[in-house]
PDB file of N, CA and C in Angstrom:
ATOM      1  N   MET A   1     124.028  89.300 123.811  1.00  0.00           N
ATOM      2  CA  MET A   1     123.387  90.456 123.220  1.00  0.00           C
ATOM      3  C   MET A   1     121.882  90.408 123.497  1.00  0.00           C
ATOM      4  N   ALA A   2     121.331  91.508 123.929  1.00  0.00           N
ATOM      5  CA  ALA A   2     119.917  91.572 124.287  1.00  0.00           C
ATOM      6  C   ALA A   2     119.049  91.631 123.033  1.00  0.00           C
ATOM      7  N   TYR A   3     117.880  91.070 123.138  1.00  0.00           N
ATOM      8  CA  TYR A   3     116.914  91.095 122.043  1.00  0.00           C
ATOM      9  C   TYR A   3     116.380  92.510 121.880  1.00  0.00           C
ATOM     10  N   ARG A   4     116.277  92.949 120.648  1.00  0.00           N
ATOM     11  CA  ARG A   4     115.694  94.251 120.347  1.00  0.00           C
ATOM     12  C   ARG A   4     114.610  94.034 119.314  1.00  0.00           C
ATOM     13  N   GLU A   5     113.390  94.445 119.626  1.00  0.00           N
ATOM     14  CA  GLU A   5     112.297  94.237 118.686  1.00  0.00           C
ATOM     15  C   GLU A   5     112.470  95.100 117.437  1.00  0.00           C
ATOM     16  N   SER A   6     111.832  94.678 116.373  1.00  0.00           N
ATOM     17  CA  SER A   6     111.923  95.419 115.120  1.00  0.00           C
ATOM     18  C   SER A   6     111.188  96.756 115.244  1.00  0.00           C
ATOM     19  N   PHE A   7     111.549  97.677 114.368  1.00  0.00           N
ATOM     20  CA  PHE A   7     110.884  98.972 114.349  1.00  0.00           C
ATOM     21  C   PHE A   7     109.392  98.798 114.063  1.00  0.00           C
ATOM     22  N   TYR A   8     109.073  97.932 113.114  1.00  0.00           N
ATOM     23  CA  TYR A   8     107.670  97.705 112.759  1.00  0.00           C
ATOM     24  C   TYR A   8     106.872  97.231 113.973  1.00  0.00           C
ATOM     25  N   ARG A   9     107.423  96.289 114.693  1.00  0.00           N
ATOM     26  CA  ARG A   9     106.721  95.766 115.868  1.00  0.00           C
ATOM     27  C   ARG A   9     106.467  96.876 116.894  1.00  0.00           C
ATOM     28  N   TYR A  10     107.470  97.722 117.096  1.00  0.00           N
ATOM     29  CA  TYR A  10     107.287  98.870 117.989  1.00  0.00           C
ATOM     30  C   TYR A  10     106.234  99.819 117.426  1.00  0.00           C
ATOM     31  N   LEU A  11     106.337 100.123 116.134  1.00  0.00           N
ATOM     32  CA  LEU A  11     105.409 101.059 115.500  1.00  0.00           C
ATOM     33  C   LEU A  11     103.965 100.609 115.663  1.00  0.00           C
ATOM     34  N   MET A  12     103.732  99.304 115.618  1.00  0.00           N
ATOM     35  CA  MET A  12     102.375  98.794 115.752  1.00  0.00           C
ATOM     36  C   MET A  12     101.777  99.086 117.129  1.00  0.00           C
ATOM     37  N   THR A  13     102.606  99.335 118.121  1.00  0.00           N
ATOM     38  CA  THR A  13     102.088  99.694 119.447  1.00  0.00           C
ATOM     39  C   THR A  13     101.582 101.131 119.476  1.00  0.00           C
ATOM     40  N   LEU A  14     101.870 101.901 118.443  1.00  0.00           N
ATOM     41  CA  LEU A  14     101.482 103.315 118.384  1.00  0.00           C
ATOM     42  C   LEU A  14     100.226 103.558 117.558  1.00  0.00           C
ATOM     43  N   ARG A  15      99.638 102.498 117.019  1.00  0.00           N
ATOM     44  CA  ARG A  15      98.427 102.647 116.196  1.00  0.00           C
ATOM     45  C   ARG A  15      97.275 103.187 117.036  1.00  0.00           C
ATOM     46  N   ASP A  16      96.475 104.036 116.407  1.00  0.00           N
ATOM     47  CA  ASP A  16      95.262 104.552 117.032  1.00  0.00           C
ATOM     48  C   ASP A  16      94.393 105.130 115.926  1.00  0.00           C
ATOM     49  N   ALA A  17      93.398 104.383 115.545  1.00  0.00           N
ATOM     50  CA  ALA A  17      92.541 104.778 114.421  1.00  0.00           C
ATOM     51  C   ALA A  17      91.802 106.091 114.676  1.00  0.00           C
ATOM     52  N   ASP A  18      91.616 106.455 115.927  1.00  0.00           N
ATOM     53  CA  ASP A  18      90.863 107.665 116.258  1.00  0.00           C
ATOM     54  C   ASP A  18      91.747 108.884 116.478  1.00  0.00           C
ATOM     55  N   SER A  19      93.051 108.716 116.355  1.00  0.00           N
ATOM     56  CA  SER A  19      93.984 109.801 116.646  1.00  0.00           C
ATOM     57  C   SER A  19      94.327 110.592 115.390  1.00  0.00           C
ATOM     58  N   ASN A  20      94.542 111.884 115.583  1.00  0.00           N
ATOM     59  CA  ASN A  20      95.029 112.738 114.501  1.00  0.00           C
ATOM     60  C   ASN A  20      96.547 112.900 114.567  1.00  0.00           C
ATOM     61  N   ASP A  21      97.175 112.271 115.549  1.00  0.00           N
ATOM     62  CA  ASP A  21      98.618 112.335 115.703  1.00  0.00           C
ATOM     63  C   ASP A  21      99.302 111.738 114.476  1.00  0.00           C
ATOM     64  N   GLU A  22     100.316 112.431 113.964  1.00  0.00           N
ATOM     65  CA  GLU A  22     100.967 111.985 112.730  1.00  0.00           C
ATOM     66  C   GLU A  22     101.671 110.643 112.885  1.00  0.00           C
ATOM     67  N   VAL A  23     102.273 110.395 114.036  1.00  0.00           N
ATOM     68  CA  VAL A  23     102.949 109.118 114.256  1.00  0.00           C
ATOM     69  C   VAL A  23     101.919 107.988 114.307  1.00  0.00           C
ATOM     70  N   ALA A  24     100.793 108.219 114.961  1.00  0.00           N
ATOM     71  CA  ALA A  24      99.730 107.206 115.014  1.00  0.00           C
ATOM     72  C   ALA A  24      99.204 106.920 113.612  1.00  0.00           C
ATOM     73  N   GLN A  25      99.043 107.952 112.801  1.00  0.00           N
ATOM     74  CA  GLN A  25      98.578 107.756 111.429  1.00  0.00           C
ATOM     75  C   GLN A  25      99.604 106.991 110.599  1.00  0.00           C
ATOM     76  N   PHE A  26     100.884 107.288 110.804  1.00  0.00           N
ATOM     77  CA  PHE A  26     101.960 106.545 110.150  1.00  0.00           C
ATOM     78  C   PHE A  26     101.852 105.067 110.515  1.00  0.00           C
ATOM     79  N   ALA A  27     101.653 104.793 111.794  1.00  0.00           N
ATOM     80  CA  ALA A  27     101.529 103.406 112.254  1.00  0.00           C
ATOM     81  C   ALA A  27     100.312 102.729 111.629  1.00  0.00           C
ATOM     82  N   ASN A  28      99.196 103.432 111.594  1.00  0.00           N
ATOM     83  CA  ASN A  28      97.985 102.879 110.985  1.00  0.00           C
ATOM     84  C   ASN A  28      98.224 102.517 109.521  1.00  0.00           C
ATOM     85  N   ASN A  29      98.877 103.411 108.794  1.00  0.00           N
ATOM     86  CA  ASN A  29      99.133 103.172 107.369  1.00  0.00           C
ATOM     87  C   ASN A  29     100.178 102.089 107.150  1.00  0.00           C
ATOM     88  N   ALA A  30     101.203 102.057 107.995  1.00  0.00           N
ATOM     89  CA  ALA A  30     102.247 101.033 107.860  1.00  0.00           C
ATOM     90  C   ALA A  30     101.663  99.640 108.058  1.00  0.00           C
ATOM     91  N   GLN A  31     100.654  99.527 108.899  1.00  0.00           N
ATOM     92  CA  GLN A  31     100.017  98.231 109.127  1.00  0.00           C
ATOM     93  C   GLN A  31      99.439  97.666 107.830  1.00  0.00           C
ATOM     94  N   ASN A  32      98.982  98.537 106.954  1.00  0.00           N
ATOM     95  CA  ASN A  32      98.371  98.115 105.689  1.00  0.00           C
ATOM     96  C   ASN A  32      99.381  97.978 104.553  1.00  0.00           C
ATOM     97  N   ASP A  33     100.634  98.289 104.825  1.00  0.00           N
ATOM     98  CA  ASP A  33     101.697  98.205 103.815  1.00  0.00           C
ATOM     99  C   ASP A  33     102.244  96.778 103.805  1.00  0.00           C
ATOM    100  N   GLN A  34     101.847  96.016 102.810  1.00  0.00           N
ATOM    101  CA  GLN A  34     102.203  94.593 102.741  1.00  0.00           C
ATOM    102  C   GLN A  34     103.694  94.345 102.540  1.00  0.00           C
ATOM    103  N   THR A  35     104.429  95.325 102.042  1.00  0.00           N
ATOM    104  CA  THR A  35     105.856  95.124 101.779  1.00  0.00           C
ATOM    105  C   THR A  35     106.759  95.820 102.796  1.00  0.00           C
ATOM    106  N   PHE A  36     106.176  96.384 103.842  1.00  0.00           N
ATOM    107  CA  PHE A  36     106.984  97.057 104.877  1.00  0.00           C
ATOM    108  C   PHE A  36     108.002  96.062 105.435  1.00  0.00           C
ATOM    109  N   PRO A  37     109.257  96.475 105.594  1.00  0.00           N
ATOM    110  CA  PRO A  37     110.293  95.560 106.123  1.00  0.00           C
ATOM    111  C   PRO A  37     110.078  95.292 107.617  1.00  0.00           C
ATOM    112  N   LYS A  38     109.274  94.305 107.908  1.00  0.00           N
ATOM    113  CA  LYS A  38     108.776  94.063 109.260  1.00  0.00           C
ATOM    114  C   LYS A  38     109.836  93.613 110.265  1.00  0.00           C
ATOM    115  N   GLN A  39     110.956  93.093 109.805  1.00  0.00           N
ATOM    116  CA  GLN A  39     111.992  92.624 110.731  1.00  0.00           C
ATOM    117  C   GLN A  39     113.137  93.621 110.895  1.00  0.00           C
ATOM    118  N   GLU A  40     113.073  94.723 110.168  1.00  0.00           N
ATOM    119  CA  GLU A  40     114.199  95.661 110.117  1.00  0.00           C
ATOM    120  C   GLU A  40     114.304  96.530 111.373  1.00  0.00           C
ATOM    121  N   GLN A  41     115.550  96.816 111.753  1.00  0.00           N
ATOM    122  CA  GLN A  41     115.843  97.713 112.869  1.00  0.00           C
ATOM    123  C   GLN A  41     116.693  98.909 112.430  1.00  0.00           C
ATOM    124  N   ASP A  42     117.347  98.782 111.288  1.00  0.00           N
ATOM    125  CA  ASP A  42     118.314  99.767 110.823  1.00  0.00           C
ATOM    126  C   ASP A  42     117.644 101.022 110.258  1.00  0.00           C
ATOM    127  N   TYR A  43     118.054 102.182 110.760  1.00  0.00           N
ATOM    128  CA  TYR A  43     117.469 103.461 110.344  1.00  0.00           C
ATOM    129  C   TYR A  43     117.609 103.681 108.834  1.00  0.00           C
ATOM    130  N   ASP A  44     118.823 103.496 108.307  1.00  0.00           N
ATOM    131  CA  ASP A  44     119.067 103.789 106.899  1.00  0.00           C
ATOM    132  C   ASP A  44     118.251 102.892 105.969  1.00  0.00           C
ATOM    133  N   LYS A  45     118.152 101.624 106.298  1.00  0.00           N
ATOM    134  CA  LYS A  45     117.371 100.702 105.469  1.00  0.00           C
ATOM    135  C   LYS A  45     115.891 101.051 105.509  1.00  0.00           C
ATOM    136  N   LEU A  46     115.397 101.381 106.696  1.00  0.00           N
ATOM    137  CA  LEU A  46     113.991 101.775 106.823  1.00  0.00           C
ATOM    138  C   LEU A  46     113.727 103.087 106.089  1.00  0.00           C
ATOM    139  N   SER A  47     114.623 104.037 106.248  1.00  0.00           N
ATOM    140  CA  SER A  47     114.479 105.331 105.591  1.00  0.00           C
ATOM    141  C   SER A  47     114.462 105.177 104.072  1.00  0.00           C
ATOM    142  N   ASP A  48     115.386 104.376 103.533  1.00  0.00           N
ATOM    143  CA  ASP A  48     115.414 104.140 102.090  1.00  0.00           C
ATOM    144  C   ASP A  48     114.106 103.525 101.609  1.00  0.00           C
ATOM    145  N   TYR A  49     113.614 102.531 102.345  1.00  0.00           N
ATOM    146  CA  TYR A  49     112.354 101.887 101.966  1.00  0.00           C
ATOM    147  C   TYR A  49     111.215 102.918 101.939  1.00  0.00           C
ATOM    148  N   LEU A  50     111.109 103.693 103.008  1.00  0.00           N
ATOM    149  CA  LEU A  50     110.001 104.637 103.109  1.00  0.00           C
ATOM    150  C   LEU A  50     110.075 105.728 102.050  1.00  0.00           C
ATOM    151  N   GLU A  51     111.271 106.218 101.758  1.00  0.00           N
ATOM    152  CA  GLU A  51     111.417 107.254 100.735  1.00  0.00           C
ATOM    153  C   GLU A  51     110.950 106.757  99.369  1.00  0.00           C
ATOM    154  N   LEU A  52     111.157 105.487  99.093  1.00  0.00           N
ATOM    155  CA  LEU A  52     110.810 104.940  97.786  1.00  0.00           C
ATOM    156  C   LEU A  52     109.409 104.343  97.705  1.00  0.00           C
ATOM    157  N   ASN A  53     108.845 103.929  98.836  1.00  0.00           N
ATOM    158  CA  ASN A  53     107.625 103.127  98.793  1.00  0.00           C
ATOM    159  C   ASN A  53     106.445 103.614  99.620  1.00  0.00           C
ATOM    160  N   ALA A  54     106.636 104.603 100.450  1.00  0.00           N
ATOM    161  CA  ALA A  54     105.568 104.970 101.387  1.00  0.00           C
ATOM    162  C   ALA A  54     104.905 106.292 101.005  1.00  0.00           C
ATOM    163  N   GLY A  55     104.069 106.240  99.991  1.00  0.00           N
ATOM    164  CA  GLY A  55     103.321 107.413  99.593  1.00  0.00           C
ATOM    165  C   GLY A  55     102.386 107.915 100.686  1.00  0.00           C
ATOM    166  N   TYR A  56     102.089 107.067 101.637  1.00  0.00           N
ATOM    167  CA  TYR A  56     101.206 107.430 102.754  1.00  0.00           C
ATOM    168  C   TYR A  56     101.913 108.267 103.820  1.00  0.00           C
ATOM    169  N   LEU A  57     103.234 108.411 103.725  1.00  0.00           N
ATOM    170  CA  LEU A  57     103.999 109.172 104.717  1.00  0.00           C
ATOM    171  C   LEU A  57     104.236 110.569 104.152  1.00  0.00           C
ATOM    172  N   SER A  58     103.536 111.566 104.717  1.00  0.00           N
ATOM    173  CA  SER A  58     103.581 112.917 104.152  1.00  0.00           C
ATOM    174  C   SER A  58     104.923 113.613 104.355  1.00  0.00           C
ATOM    175  N   SER A  59     105.677 113.200 105.375  1.00  0.00           N
ATOM    176  CA  SER A  59     106.976 113.819 105.651  1.00  0.00           C
ATOM    177  C   SER A  59     107.888 112.812 106.341  1.00  0.00           C
ATOM    178  N   MET A  60     109.139 112.775 105.927  1.00  0.00           N
ATOM    179  CA  MET A  60     110.098 111.873 106.568  1.00  0.00           C
ATOM    180  C   MET A  60     110.378 112.285 108.006  1.00  0.00           C
ATOM    181  N   SER A  61     110.055 113.523 108.370  1.00  0.00           N
ATOM    182  CA  SER A  61     110.256 113.947 109.763  1.00  0.00           C
ATOM    183  C   SER A  61     109.345 113.151 110.710  1.00  0.00           C
ATOM    184  N   ILE A  62     108.231 112.646 110.202  1.00  0.00           N
ATOM    185  CA  ILE A  62     107.341 111.801 111.019  1.00  0.00           C
ATOM    186  C   ILE A  62     108.044 110.480 111.313  1.00  0.00           C
ATOM    187  N   PHE A  63     108.683 109.908 110.293  1.00  0.00           N
ATOM    188  CA  PHE A  63     109.475 108.699 110.516  1.00  0.00           C
ATOM    189  C   PHE A  63     110.610 108.981 111.487  1.00  0.00           C
ATOM    190  N   ASP A  64     111.301 110.096 111.308  1.00  0.00           N
ATOM    191  CA  ASP A  64     112.407 110.447 112.208  1.00  0.00           C
ATOM    192  C   ASP A  64     111.940 110.512 113.655  1.00  0.00           C
ATOM    193  N   GLN A  65     110.799 111.115 113.879  1.00  0.00           N
ATOM    194  CA  GLN A  65     110.238 111.216 115.231  1.00  0.00           C
ATOM    195  C   GLN A  65     109.915 109.825 115.776  1.00  0.00           C
ATOM    196  N   ALA A  66     109.258 109.013 114.977  1.00  0.00           N
ATOM    197  CA  ALA A  66     108.893 107.659 115.412  1.00  0.00           C
ATOM    198  C   ALA A  66     110.140 106.816 115.672  1.00  0.00           C
ATOM    199  N   TYR A  67     111.154 106.964 114.834  1.00  0.00           N
ATOM    200  CA  TYR A  67     112.371 106.176 115.018  1.00  0.00           C
ATOM    201  C   TYR A  67     113.108 106.600 116.289  1.00  0.00           C
ATOM    202  N   GLN A  68     113.095 107.897 116.589  1.00  0.00           N
ATOM    203  CA  GLN A  68     113.726 108.361 117.831  1.00  0.00           C
ATOM    204  C   GLN A  68     112.988 107.805 119.045  1.00  0.00           C
ATOM    205  N   MET A  69     111.681 107.753 118.985  1.00  0.00           N
ATOM    206  CA  MET A  69     110.894 107.159 120.074  1.00  0.00           C
ATOM    207  C   MET A  69     111.266 105.686 120.235  1.00  0.00           C
ATOM    208  N   TYR A  70     111.424 104.986 119.107  1.00  0.00           N
ATOM    209  CA  TYR A  70     111.832 103.581 119.101  1.00  0.00           C
ATOM    210  C   TYR A  70     113.199 103.425 119.741  1.00  0.00           C
ATOM    211  N   ARG A  71     114.154 104.247 119.338  1.00  0.00           N
ATOM    212  CA  ARG A  71     115.508 104.168 119.914  1.00  0.00           C
ATOM    213  C   ARG A  71     115.486 104.418 121.413  1.00  0.00           C
ATOM    214  N   ASP A  72     114.710 105.405 121.836  1.00  0.00           N
ATOM    215  CA  ASP A  72     114.618 105.727 123.273  1.00  0.00           C
ATOM    216  C   ASP A  72     114.064 104.537 124.049  1.00  0.00           C
ATOM    217  N   LYS A  73     113.070 103.877 123.487  1.00  0.00           N
ATOM    218  CA  LYS A  73     112.470 102.731 124.169  1.00  0.00           C
ATOM    219  C   LYS A  73     113.411 101.527 124.190  1.00  0.00           C
ATOM    220  N   MET A  74     114.218 101.358 123.158  1.00  0.00           N
ATOM    221  CA  MET A  74     115.097 100.194 123.070  1.00  0.00           C
ATOM    222  C   MET A  74     116.381 100.334 123.888  1.00  0.00           C
ATOM    223  N   MET A  75     116.647 101.539 124.385  1.00  0.00           N
ATOM    224  CA  MET A  75     117.858 101.726 125.216  1.00  0.00           C
ATOM    225  C   MET A  75     117.655 101.074 126.564  1.00  0.00           C
ATOM    226  N   TYR A  76     118.629 100.274 126.959  1.00  0.00           N
ATOM    227  CA  TYR A  76     118.610  99.718 128.315  1.00  0.00           C
ATOM    228  C   TYR A  76     119.975  99.518 128.845  1.00  0.00           C
TER     229      TYR A  76
END
């Protein structure tokens, strides 16, 4: 089975403090979230965490977009 990096690790590659892009802002804020599930890959577990704990995420559609980008990158 091939190694697949965690969603958090992928998300950190999208950080950009100077960007107004919503995914970049999500990444910037997630970096400061001390309880973010950093090893998680599962959509449902990440979604549940964010719905309950991520006041910095204005819309779950931003997570959906970022997760789709993650899935696209992890396909091989």
